[in-house]
C-alpha atoms as a PDB file:
ATOM      1  CA  MET A   1       0.068   0.023  -0.074  1.00  0.00           C
ATOM      2  CA  LEU A   2       2.729   2.437   0.977  1.00  0.00           C
ATOM      3  CA  GLY A   3       4.690   1.508  -2.300  1.00  0.00           C
ATOM      4  CA  ARG A   4       1.557   2.338  -4.421  1.00  0.00           C
ATOM      5  CA  LEU A   5       1.071   5.644  -2.449  1.00  0.00           C
ATOM      6  CA  HIS A   6       4.667   6.534  -2.898  1.00  0.00           C
ATOM      7  CA  ALA A   7       4.403   5.905  -6.718  1.00  0.00           C
ATOM      8  CA  ALA A   8       1.299   8.071  -6.892  1.00  0.00           C
ATOM      9  CA  VAL A   9       2.930  10.875  -5.102  1.00  0.00           C
ATOM     10  CA  SER A  10       5.866  10.624  -7.416  1.00  0.00           C
ATOM     11  CA  LEU A  11       3.962  10.788 -10.483  1.00  0.00           C
ATOM     12  CA  LEU A  12       1.751  13.659  -9.125  1.00  0.00           C
ATOM     13  CA  THR A  13       5.002  15.589  -8.071  1.00  0.00           C
ATOM     14  CA  ALA A  14       6.519  15.055 -11.643  1.00  0.00           C
ATOM     15  CA  ALA A  15       3.163  16.170 -13.305  1.00  0.00           C
ATOM     16  CA  THR A  16       3.051  19.141 -11.019  1.00  0.00           C
ATOM     17  CA  VAL A  17       6.519  20.496 -11.662  1.00  0.00           C
ATOM     18  CA  LEU A  18       6.195  19.764 -15.401  1.00  0.00           C
ATOM     19  CA  THR A  19       2.868  21.688 -15.465  1.00  0.00           C
ATOM     20  CA  GLY A  20       4.578  24.552 -13.885  1.00  0.00           C
ATOM     21  CA  CYS A  21       6.828  24.874 -16.923  1.00  0.00           C
ATOM     22  CA  SER A  22       3.949  25.065 -19.420  1.00  0.00           C
ATOM     23  CA  SER A  23       0.317  25.632 -19.704  1.00  0.00           C
ATOM     24  CA  THR A  24      -0.454  21.830 -19.525  1.00  0.00           C
ATOM     25  CA  VAL A  25       1.541  18.665 -19.248  1.00  0.00           C
ATOM     26  CA  THR A  26       0.700  17.629 -22.744  1.00  0.00           C
ATOM     27  CA  ASP A  27       2.196  20.890 -24.216  1.00  0.00           C
ATOM     28  CA  ILE A  28       5.710  19.546 -23.440  1.00  0.00           C
ATOM     29  CA  LYS A  29       7.310  18.262 -26.563  1.00  0.00           C
ATOM     30  CA  ILE A  30      10.669  16.627 -26.599  1.00  0.00           C
ATOM     31  CA  THR A  31      12.655  15.425 -29.607  1.00  0.00           C
ATOM     32  CA  MET A  32      15.483  13.046 -28.626  1.00  0.00           C
ATOM     33  CA  ALA A  33      18.722  12.701 -30.809  1.00  0.00           C
ATOM     34  CA  THR A  34      20.012   9.199 -30.662  1.00  0.00           C
ATOM     35  CA  GLY A  35      21.874   7.267 -33.232  1.00  0.00           C
ATOM     36  CA  SER A  36      21.508   4.401 -35.903  1.00  0.00           C
ATOM     37  CA  GLU A  37      18.577   2.104 -35.463  1.00  0.00           C
ATOM     38  CA  GLY A  38      20.966  -0.879 -34.677  1.00  0.00           C
ATOM     39  CA  GLY A  39      22.804   0.893 -31.929  1.00  0.00           C
ATOM     40  CA  VAL A  40      22.468   1.355 -28.151  1.00  0.00           C
ATOM     41  CA  TYR A  41      21.631   5.016 -28.302  1.00  0.00           C
ATOM     42  CA  TYR A  42      18.473   4.300 -30.403  1.00  0.00           C
ATOM     43  CA  SER A  43      17.412   1.402 -28.040  1.00  0.00           C
ATOM     44  CA  LEU A  44      17.817   3.405 -24.914  1.00  0.00           C
ATOM     45  CA  GLY A  45      16.122   6.520 -26.474  1.00  0.00           C
ATOM     46  CA  ASN A  46      13.145   4.464 -27.311  1.00  0.00           C
ATOM     47  CA  GLY A  47      13.063   3.078 -23.772  1.00  0.00           C
ATOM     48  CA  LEU A  48      13.325   6.443 -22.195  1.00  0.00           C
ATOM     49  CA  ALA A  49      10.555   7.797 -24.435  1.00  0.00           C
ATOM     50  CA  ASP A  50       8.241   5.103 -23.222  1.00  0.00           C
ATOM     51  CA  ILE A  51       9.297   5.731 -19.520  1.00  0.00           C
ATOM     52  CA  TRP A  52       8.786   9.484 -19.643  1.00  0.00           C
ATOM     53  CA  SER A  53       5.521   9.341 -21.659  1.00  0.00           C
ATOM     54  CA  GLY A  54       4.084   6.559 -19.460  1.00  0.00           C
ATOM     55  CA  ARG A  55       5.218   7.861 -15.956  1.00  0.00           C
ATOM     56  CA  LEU A  56       4.919  11.704 -16.558  1.00  0.00           C
ATOM     57  CA  GLY A  57       1.837  11.552 -18.818  1.00  0.00           C
ATOM     58  CA  ILE A  58       3.523  13.765 -21.514  1.00  0.00           C
ATOM     59  CA  ALA A  59       3.421  13.262 -25.312  1.00  0.00           C
ATOM     60  CA  ARG A  60       5.834  10.514 -26.183  1.00  0.00           C
ATOM     61  CA  PRO A  61       9.217  12.024 -27.163  1.00  0.00           C
ATOM     62  CA  GLN A  62      10.209  11.894 -30.805  1.00  0.00           C
ATOM     63  CA  VAL A  63      13.077   9.484 -31.098  1.00  0.00           C
ATOM     64  CA  VAL A  64      15.300  10.586 -34.110  1.00  0.00           C
ATOM     65  CA  GLN A  65      17.851   8.390 -35.801  1.00  0.00           C
ATOM     66  CA  THR A  66      21.159  10.303 -36.374  1.00  0.00           C
ATOM     67  CA  ALA A  67      24.820   9.882 -37.454  1.00  0.00           C
ATOM     68  CA  GLY A  68      25.725   9.771 -33.832  1.00  0.00           C
ATOM     69  CA  SER A  69      27.489  11.871 -31.040  1.00  0.00           C
ATOM     70  CA  LYS A  70      28.735  14.904 -33.014  1.00  0.00           C
ATOM     71  CA  ASP A  71      25.381  15.069 -35.029  1.00  0.00           C
ATOM     72  CA  ASN A  72      23.575  14.904 -31.702  1.00  0.00           C
ATOM     73  CA  VAL A  73      25.544  17.747 -30.149  1.00  0.00           C
ATOM     74  CA  THR A  74      24.998  19.881 -33.278  1.00  0.00           C
ATOM     75  CA  ARG A  75      21.315  19.303 -33.008  1.00  0.00           C
ATOM     76  CA  LEU A  76      20.977  20.287 -29.322  1.00  0.00           C
ATOM     77  CA  ILE A  77      23.135  23.373 -29.870  1.00  0.00           C
ATOM     78  CA  ASN A  78      20.855  24.390 -32.837  1.00  0.00           C
ATOM     79  CA  ASP A  79      17.588  23.579 -30.769  1.00  0.00           C
ATOM     80  CA  GLN A  80      16.699  20.804 -33.212  1.00  0.00           C
ATOM     81  CA  ALA A  81      16.537  18.457 -30.268  1.00  0.00           C
ATOM     82  CA  GLN A  82      15.920  18.886 -26.556  1.00  0.00           C
ATOM     83  CA  VAL A  83      17.574  15.703 -25.308  1.00  0.00           C
ATOM     84  CA  GLY A  84      20.488  13.825 -26.877  1.00  0.00           C
ATOM     85  CA  PHE A  85      23.119  11.158 -26.285  1.00  0.00           C
ATOM     86  CA  SER A  86      26.794  11.853 -26.842  1.00  0.00           C
ATOM     87  CA  GLN A  87      30.295  10.425 -26.117  1.00  0.00           C
ATOM     88  CA  ALA A  88      32.444  12.735 -23.997  1.00  0.00           C
ATOM     89  CA  ASP A  89      35.037  13.159 -26.653  1.00  0.00           C
ATOM     90  CA  ALA A  90      32.534  14.526 -29.186  1.00  0.00           C
ATOM     91  CA  LEU A  91      32.164  17.742 -27.166  1.00  0.00           C
ATOM     92  CA  GLU A  92      35.738  18.743 -27.435  1.00  0.00           C
ATOM     93  CA  GLY A  93      36.174  22.049 -29.590  1.00  0.00           C
ATOM     94  CA  MET A  94      32.502  22.029 -30.657  1.00  0.00           C
ATOM     95  CA  PRO A  95      31.422  25.794 -30.920  1.00  0.00           C
ATOM     96  CA  GLY A  96      28.381  26.220 -28.590  1.00  0.00           C
ATOM     97  CA  SER A  97      28.950  23.129 -26.699  1.00  0.00           C
ATOM     98  CA  ASP A  98      29.257  25.383 -23.586  1.00  0.00           C
ATOM     99  CA  ARG A  99      25.625  25.856 -23.632  1.00  0.00           C
ATOM    100  CA  LEU A 100      24.852  22.164 -23.042  1.00  0.00           C
ATOM    101  CA  ARG A 101      24.159  20.519 -19.659  1.00  0.00           C
ATOM    102  CA  ALA A 102      24.195  16.969 -18.565  1.00  0.00           C
ATOM    103  CA  LEU A 103      21.396  15.134 -17.031  1.00  0.00           C
ATOM    104  CA  ALA A 104      23.429  11.991 -16.334  1.00  0.00           C
ATOM    105  CA  ARG A 105      26.425  10.022 -17.243  1.00  0.00           C
ATOM    106  CA  MET A 106      25.084   6.859 -18.793  1.00  0.00           C
ATOM    107  CA  HIS A 107      26.862   3.571 -19.936  1.00  0.00           C
ATOM    108  CA  ASP A 108      30.335   3.453 -21.283  1.00  0.00           C
ATOM    109  CA  ASP A 109      30.986   2.767 -24.937  1.00  0.00           C
ATOM    110  CA  TYR A 110      33.403   0.171 -26.118  1.00  0.00           C
ATOM    111  CA  LEU A 111      35.507   0.562 -29.298  1.00  0.00           C
ATOM    112  CA  GLN A 112      35.068  -2.369 -31.402  1.00  0.00           C
ATOM    113  CA  VAL A 113      37.294  -2.979 -34.478  1.00  0.00           C
ATOM    114  CA  ILE A 114      35.624  -5.731 -36.488  1.00  0.00           C
ATOM    115  CA  VAL A 115      37.411  -7.575 -39.219  1.00  0.00           C
ATOM    116  CA  ARG A 116      36.839 -10.478 -41.527  1.00  0.00           C
ATOM    117  CA  ALA A 117      38.103 -13.717 -39.932  1.00  0.00           C
ATOM    118  CA  ASP A 118      39.531 -14.891 -43.143  1.00  0.00           C
ATOM    119  CA  LEU A 119      41.953 -11.937 -43.375  1.00  0.00           C
ATOM    120  CA  PRO A 120      45.391 -12.067 -41.825  1.00  0.00           C
ATOM    121  CA  VAL A 121      44.631  -9.073 -39.717  1.00  0.00           C
ATOM    122  CA  THR A 122      45.594  -9.207 -35.945  1.00  0.00           C
ATOM    123  CA  LYS A 123      46.913  -5.660 -35.382  1.00  0.00           C
ATOM    124  CA  LEU A 124      45.689  -2.155 -36.141  1.00  0.00           C
ATOM    125  CA  ARG A 125      48.617  -1.564 -38.632  1.00  0.00           C
ATOM    126  CA  ASP A 126      47.469  -4.548 -40.554  1.00  0.00           C
ATOM    127  CA  LEU A 127      44.428  -2.402 -41.771  1.00  0.00           C
ATOM    128  CA  SER A 128      46.674  -0.323 -44.071  1.00  0.00           C
ATOM    129  CA  GLY A 129      45.376  -0.472 -47.653  1.00  0.00           C
ATOM    130  CA  LEU A 130      42.263  -2.328 -46.659  1.00  0.00           C
ATOM    131  CA  ARG A 131      38.654  -1.290 -47.135  1.00  0.00           C
ATOM    132  CA  VAL A 132      37.737   0.083 -43.741  1.00  0.00           C
ATOM    133  CA  SER A 133      34.710   2.043 -42.598  1.00  0.00           C
ATOM    134  CA  ILE A 134      35.614   4.572 -39.858  1.00  0.00           C
ATOM    135  CA  GLY A 135      31.913   5.287 -39.059  1.00  0.00           C
ATOM    136  CA  ALA A 136      29.357   7.774 -40.304  1.00  0.00           C
ATOM    137  CA  LYS A 137      30.204  11.381 -40.655  1.00  0.00           C
ATOM    138  CA  GLU A 138      29.573  13.503 -37.639  1.00  0.00           C
ATOM    139  CA  SER A 139      29.570  10.305 -35.538  1.00  0.00           C
ATOM    140  CA  GLY A 140      31.534   9.527 -32.344  1.00  0.00           C
ATOM    141  CA  VAL A 141      32.961   6.449 -34.048  1.00  0.00           C
ATOM    142  CA  GLU A 142      34.441   8.658 -36.694  1.00  0.00           C
ATOM    143  CA  ILE A 143      36.132  10.777 -34.017  1.00  0.00           C
ATOM    144  CA  ILE A 144      37.774   7.786 -32.333  1.00  0.00           C
ATOM    145  CA  ALA A 145      38.718   5.911 -35.414  1.00  0.00           C
ATOM    146  CA  THR A 146      40.347   8.920 -37.027  1.00  0.00           C
ATOM    147  CA  LYS A 147      42.368   9.698 -33.960  1.00  0.00           C
ATOM    148  CA  LEU A 148      43.536   6.110 -33.558  1.00  0.00           C
ATOM    149  CA  LEU A 149      44.515   5.545 -37.160  1.00  0.00           C
ATOM    150  CA  GLN A 150      46.457   8.804 -37.191  1.00  0.00           C
ATOM    151  CA  SER A 151      48.169   7.950 -34.023  1.00  0.00           C
ATOM    152  CA  GLU A 152      49.349   4.712 -35.499  1.00  0.00           C
ATOM    153  CA  ASN A 153      50.071   6.165 -39.051  1.00  0.00           C
ATOM    154  CA  VAL A 154      47.701   3.647 -40.576  1.00  0.00           C
ATOM    155  CA  THR A 155      46.219   4.561 -43.925  1.00  0.00           C
ATOM    156  CA  PRO A 156      43.367   2.215 -44.930  1.00  0.00           C
ATOM    157  CA  GLN A 157      40.963   2.848 -47.843  1.00  0.00           C
ATOM    158  CA  ALA A 158      38.632   4.716 -45.468  1.00  0.00           C
ATOM    159  CA  VAL A 159      34.960   5.135 -46.068  1.00  0.00           C
ATOM    160  CA  ASN A 160      32.217   6.642 -43.962  1.00  0.00           C
ATOM    161  CA  LEU A 161      29.455   4.166 -43.204  1.00  0.00           C
ATOM    162  CA  GLY A 162      27.058   3.859 -40.276  1.00  0.00           C
ATOM    163  CA  LEU A 163      26.713   0.649 -38.273  1.00  0.00           C
ATOM    164  CA  ASP A 164      23.960  -1.005 -40.353  1.00  0.00           C
ATOM    165  CA  ASP A 165      25.626  -0.110 -43.646  1.00  0.00           C
ATOM    166  CA  SER A 166      29.045  -1.274 -42.407  1.00  0.00           C
ATOM    167  CA  ALA A 167      27.757  -4.692 -41.407  1.00  0.00           C
ATOM    168  CA  GLY A 168      25.892  -5.008 -44.667  1.00  0.00           C
ATOM    169  CA  ALA A 169      28.845  -4.149 -46.717  1.00  0.00           C
ATOM    170  CA  MET A 170      30.998  -6.733 -44.772  1.00  0.00           C
ATOM    171  CA  GLN A 171      28.378  -9.410 -45.299  1.00  0.00           C
ATOM    172  CA  GLU A 172      28.401  -8.700 -49.088  1.00  0.00           C
ATOM    173  CA  GLY A 173      32.111  -8.705 -49.130  1.00  0.00           C
ATOM    174  CA  ARG A 174      32.493  -5.083 -49.952  1.00  0.00           C
ATOM    175  CA  LEU A 175      34.305  -4.068 -46.770  1.00  0.00           C
ATOM    176  CA  ASP A 176      37.315  -5.678 -44.850  1.00  0.00           C
ATOM    177  CA  ALA A 177      36.810  -4.087 -41.466  1.00  0.00           C
ATOM    178  CA  PHE A 178      34.916  -1.472 -39.631  1.00  0.00           C
ATOM    179  CA  PHE A 179      35.049   0.623 -36.483  1.00  0.00           C
ATOM    180  CA  TRP A 180      32.084   0.850 -34.012  1.00  0.00           C
ATOM    181  CA  SER A 181      31.822   2.413 -30.645  1.00  0.00           C
ATOM    182  CA  GLY A 182      28.804   1.470 -28.526  1.00  0.00           C
ATOM    183  CA  GLY A 183      27.494  -0.262 -25.372  1.00  0.00           C
ATOM    184  CA  LEU A 184      27.657  -4.039 -24.932  1.00  0.00           C
ATOM    185  CA  PRO A 185      26.194  -5.927 -26.689  1.00  0.00           C
ATOM    186  CA  THR A 186      25.336  -3.984 -29.874  1.00  0.00           C
ATOM    187  CA  ARG A 187      22.482  -5.925 -31.514  1.00  0.00           C
ATOM    188  CA  ARG A 188      23.657  -5.366 -35.164  1.00  0.00           C
ATOM    189  CA  ILE A 189      27.113  -6.709 -34.246  1.00  0.00           C
ATOM    190  CA  THR A 190      25.589  -9.796 -32.419  1.00  0.00           C
ATOM    191  CA  ASP A 191      23.705 -10.491 -35.575  1.00  0.00           C
ATOM    192  CA  LEU A 192      26.795 -10.152 -37.706  1.00  0.00           C
ATOM    193  CA  THR A 193      28.842 -12.574 -35.680  1.00  0.00           C
ATOM    194  CA  LYS A 194      26.103 -15.247 -35.900  1.00  0.00           C
ATOM    195  CA  GLY A 195      26.131 -15.193 -39.640  1.00  0.00           C
ATOM    196  CA  LEU A 196      29.724 -14.269 -40.684  1.00  0.00           C
ATOM    197  CA  GLY A 197      33.205 -15.141 -39.455  1.00  0.00           C
ATOM    198  CA  VAL A 198      34.659 -12.122 -37.865  1.00  0.00           C
ATOM    199  CA  ARG A 199      37.197 -11.268 -35.147  1.00  0.00           C
ATOM    200  CA  MET A 200      37.662  -8.166 -33.074  1.00  0.00           C
ATOM    201  CA  LEU A 201      41.211  -6.472 -32.777  1.00  0.00           C
ATOM    202  CA  ASP A 202      42.979  -6.375 -29.504  1.00  0.00           C
ATOM    203  CA  LEU A 203      44.223  -2.823 -28.882  1.00  0.00           C
ATOM    204  CA  LYS A 204      46.583  -3.230 -25.833  1.00  0.00           C
ATOM    205  CA  ASP A 205      49.663  -2.467 -27.926  1.00  0.00           C
ATOM    206  CA  GLU A 206      48.275   0.905 -29.056  1.00  0.00           C
ATOM    207  CA  LEU A 207      46.558   1.983 -25.827  1.00  0.00           C
ATOM    208  CA  LEU A 208      49.499   3.263 -23.670  1.00  0.00           C
ATOM    209  CA  LYS A 209      50.647   5.933 -26.059  1.00  0.00           C
ATOM    210  CA  PHE A 210      47.113   6.747 -27.321  1.00  0.00           C
ATOM    211  CA  ARG A 211      45.674   7.375 -23.824  1.00  0.00           C
ATOM    212  CA  GLN A 212      48.625   9.498 -22.853  1.00  0.00           C
ATOM    213  CA  GLN A 213      47.837  11.731 -25.871  1.00  0.00           C
ATOM    214  CA  TYR A 214      43.998  11.525 -25.222  1.00  0.00           C
ATOM    215  CA  PRO A 215      43.283  11.065 -21.460  1.00  0.00           C
ATOM    216  CA  VAL A 216      39.479  11.323 -22.094  1.00  0.00           C
ATOM    217  CA  TYR A 217      39.644   7.679 -23.075  1.00  0.00           C
ATOM    218  CA  GLY A 218      39.795   4.635 -20.747  1.00  0.00           C
ATOM    219  CA  SER A 219      40.525   1.055 -21.369  1.00  0.00           C
ATOM    220  CA  ALA A 220      38.704  -2.079 -20.442  1.00  0.00           C
ATOM    221  CA  THR A 221      38.486  -5.853 -21.436  1.00  0.00           C
ATOM    222  CA  LEU A 222      35.652  -6.694 -23.871  1.00  0.00           C
ATOM    223  CA  PRO A 223      34.617 -10.356 -22.760  1.00  0.00           C
ATOM    224  CA  ALA A 224      34.645 -13.109 -25.339  1.00  0.00           C
ATOM    225  CA  SER A 225      31.172 -14.058 -24.207  1.00  0.00           C
ATOM    226  CA  THR A 226      29.579 -10.625 -25.269  1.00  0.00           C
ATOM    227  CA  TYR A 227      29.652 -11.861 -28.836  1.00  0.00           C
ATOM    228  CA  ASN A 228      30.780 -15.618 -28.404  1.00  0.00           C
ATOM    229  CA  LEU A 229      34.183 -14.708 -29.921  1.00  0.00           C
ATOM    230  CA  GLN A 230      36.324 -17.624 -30.645  1.00  0.00           C
ATOM    231  CA  SER A 231      39.461 -15.472 -30.448  1.00  0.00           C
ATOM    232  CA  GLY A 232      38.969 -14.708 -26.821  1.00  0.00           C
ATOM    233  CA  PRO A 233      38.649 -11.487 -24.897  1.00  0.00           C
ATOM    234  CA  VAL A 234      40.122  -8.253 -26.174  1.00  0.00           C
ATOM    235  CA  ILE A 235      41.437  -5.058 -24.645  1.00  0.00           C
ATOM    236  CA  THR A 236      40.080  -1.951 -26.131  1.00  0.00           C
ATOM    237  CA  LEU A 237      39.193   1.719 -25.565  1.00  0.00           C
ATOM    238  CA  VAL A 238      36.138   3.027 -23.541  1.00  0.00           C
ATOM    239  CA  VAL A 239      34.650   6.277 -23.564  1.00  0.00           C
ATOM    240  CA  ARG A 240      31.894   7.766 -21.227  1.00  0.00           C
ATOM    241  CA  ASN A 241      28.459   8.581 -22.620  1.00  0.00           C
ATOM    242  CA  PHE A 242      26.334  11.504 -21.470  1.00  0.00           C
ATOM    243  CA  LEU A 243      22.690  12.195 -21.626  1.00  0.00           C
ATOM    244  CA  LEU A 244      22.574  16.012 -22.511  1.00  0.00           C
ATOM    245  CA  VAL A 245      20.048  18.812 -22.737  1.00  0.00           C
ATOM    246  CA  ASN A 246      20.302  22.480 -23.589  1.00  0.00           C
ATOM    247  CA  GLU A 247      20.918  24.939 -20.667  1.00  0.00           C
ATOM    248  CA  SER A 248      17.492  26.569 -21.401  1.00  0.00           C
ATOM    249  CA  MET A 249      15.538  23.533 -20.251  1.00  0.00           C
ATOM    250  CA  PRO A 250      13.630  24.525 -17.191  1.00  0.00           C
ATOM    251  CA  ASP A 251      15.002  23.155 -13.841  1.00  0.00           C
ATOM    252  CA  ASP A 252      11.647  21.316 -13.039  1.00  0.00           C
ATOM    253  CA  VAL A 253      11.465  19.547 -16.219  1.00  0.00           C
ATOM    254  CA  ALA A 254      15.167  18.390 -16.048  1.00  0.00           C
ATOM    255  CA  GLU A 255      14.661  17.109 -12.538  1.00  0.00           C
ATOM    256  CA  ALA A 256      11.629  15.132 -13.526  1.00  0.00           C
ATOM    257  CA  LEU A 257      13.345  13.560 -16.554  1.00  0.00           C
ATOM    258  CA  VAL A 258      16.300  12.387 -14.336  1.00  0.00           C
ATOM    259  CA  ARG A 259      14.062  11.125 -11.589  1.00  0.00           C
ATOM    260  CA  GLN A 260      12.084   8.979 -14.003  1.00  0.00           C
ATOM    261  CA  LEU A 261      15.287   7.791 -15.735  1.00  0.00           C
ATOM    262  CA  PHE A 262      16.319   6.079 -12.389  1.00  0.00           C
ATOM    263  CA  GLU A 263      12.784   5.229 -11.087  1.00  0.00           C
ATOM    264  CA  GLY A 264      12.063   3.535 -14.419  1.00  0.00           C
ATOM    265  CA  GLN A 265      15.487   1.852 -14.768  1.00  0.00           C
ATOM    266  CA  PRO A 266      14.054  -1.607 -14.597  1.00  0.00           C
ATOM    267  CA  ASP A 267      11.948  -0.921 -17.765  1.00  0.00           C
ATOM    268  CA  LEU A 268      15.049   0.843 -19.380  1.00  0.00           C
ATOM    269  CA  VAL A 269      17.053  -2.425 -18.828  1.00  0.00           C
ATOM    270  CA  LYS A 270      14.338  -4.158 -20.872  1.00  0.00           C
ATOM    271  CA  ALA A 271      15.047  -1.804 -23.758  1.00  0.00           C
ATOM    272  CA  HIS A 272      18.759  -2.429 -23.627  1.00  0.00           C
ATOM    273  CA  SER A 273      21.003  -4.394 -21.120  1.00  0.00           C
ATOM    274  CA  ALA A 274      23.557  -1.594 -21.149  1.00  0.00           C
ATOM    275  CA  ALA A 275      21.179   0.355 -18.773  1.00  0.00           C
ATOM    276  CA  ARG A 276      22.232  -2.067 -15.954  1.00  0.00           C
ATOM    277  CA  THR A 277      25.451  -0.139 -15.616  1.00  0.00           C
ATOM    278  CA  ILE A 278      23.851   3.244 -15.089  1.00  0.00           C
ATOM    279  CA  GLU A 279      23.801   4.161 -11.356  1.00  0.00           C
ATOM    280  CA  GLN A 280      23.442   7.352  -9.473  1.00  0.00           C
ATOM    281  CA  ARG A 281      26.939   7.707  -7.927  1.00  0.00           C
ATOM    282  CA  SER A 282      28.598   7.550 -11.298  1.00  0.00           C
ATOM    283  CA  ALA A 283      25.852   9.591 -13.012  1.00  0.00           C
ATOM    284  CA  ILE A 284      27.096  12.776 -11.670  1.00  0.00           C
ATOM    285  CA  GLU A 285      30.582  12.291 -13.258  1.00  0.00           C
ATOM    286  CA  THR A 286      29.943  14.334 -16.291  1.00  0.00           C
ATOM    287  CA  SER A 287      33.050  16.586 -16.565  1.00  0.00           C
ATOM    288  CA  PRO A 288      33.773  18.578 -18.689  1.00  0.00           C
ATOM    289  CA  VAL A 289      30.001  19.164 -19.108  1.00  0.00           C
ATOM    290  CA  PRO A 290      28.235  20.542 -15.958  1.00  0.00           C
ATOM    291  CA  LEU A 291      25.104  19.030 -14.589  1.00  0.00           C
ATOM    292  CA  HIS A 292      21.920  20.899 -15.299  1.00  0.00           C
ATOM    293  CA  PRO A 293      20.733  22.570 -12.102  1.00  0.00           C
ATOM    294  CA  GLY A 294      17.632  20.492 -12.098  1.00  0.00           C
ATOM    295  CA  ALA A 295      19.548  17.190 -12.409  1.00  0.00           C
ATOM    296  CA  MET A 296      21.780  18.539  -9.626  1.00  0.00           C
ATOM    297  CA  ARG A 297      18.681  19.109  -7.412  1.00  0.00           C
ATOM    298  CA  TYR A 298      17.598  15.465  -7.919  1.00  0.00           C
ATOM    299  CA  TYR A 299      20.989  14.052  -6.969  1.00  0.00           C
ATOM    300  CA  ARG A 300      21.188  16.283  -3.882  1.00  0.00           C
ATOM    301  CA  GLU A 301      17.639  15.250  -2.848  1.00  0.00           C
ATOM    302  CA  THR A 302      18.559  11.603  -3.157  1.00  0.00           C
ATOM    303  CA  LYS A 303      21.749  12.127  -1.102  1.00  0.00           C
ATOM    304  CA  VAL A 304      24.331  11.350  -4.015  1.00  0.00           C
END
């Protein structure tokens, strides 16, 4: 009984603060910039849209497929979206990014360099001269891939393809390798590994120098069980993900969105398992992007 009462009060409070920001709750319209359909951003975006519309009684946010992080940041800066996902590195040097605020640190993205298993490619340098997709233009994948290839003086026949097009081109024999940065597991890559012999490159030999040059990145082990890789686990780069809004978002709206992100987290995990790694204590670690004042109010209230 108390649990139901708490839930009812929570929803009433959220509706009240949202109503205070506009004439009615239904007047609130949110466009969310995500990523490619097969990626984690898109899955989490749809999960959040269902949570926010169901728990706050607002119109379901419009979930927009995009090229990825850099594209999302541009849309937020230009007021083409009110909420968007981005890797931490995509914000570096972006004019206008100082106007953005974070609701939360989300999951971490793992860099995944996928190559055909029938090719003698075991190191990043082996990609020189091969047909390699470095991610869609304006994507976080392109940012990482470009930096990493330049750091190692590797010069492949580079093309810009998104996740779905990269996987399709590899299946058709038109691509030898591609870069992807996303949460684990990425559904489109799971599908690819089931139907085609592929391996992932281990980057441990490249990481030390690269991370000294670009400290925004971390490193982690990608378990072989993630995609049932026969080649075993690999060491790779990781980068933090943020859920961002524009600084003009009213404090009460930002607070309500963050509150329902966490109160609705069990449903978000159903949308994608990467949501399991989102937790309140690490959610406030959004440097160099400041937390939105409304988000900060929520974290303080919940004693984070």
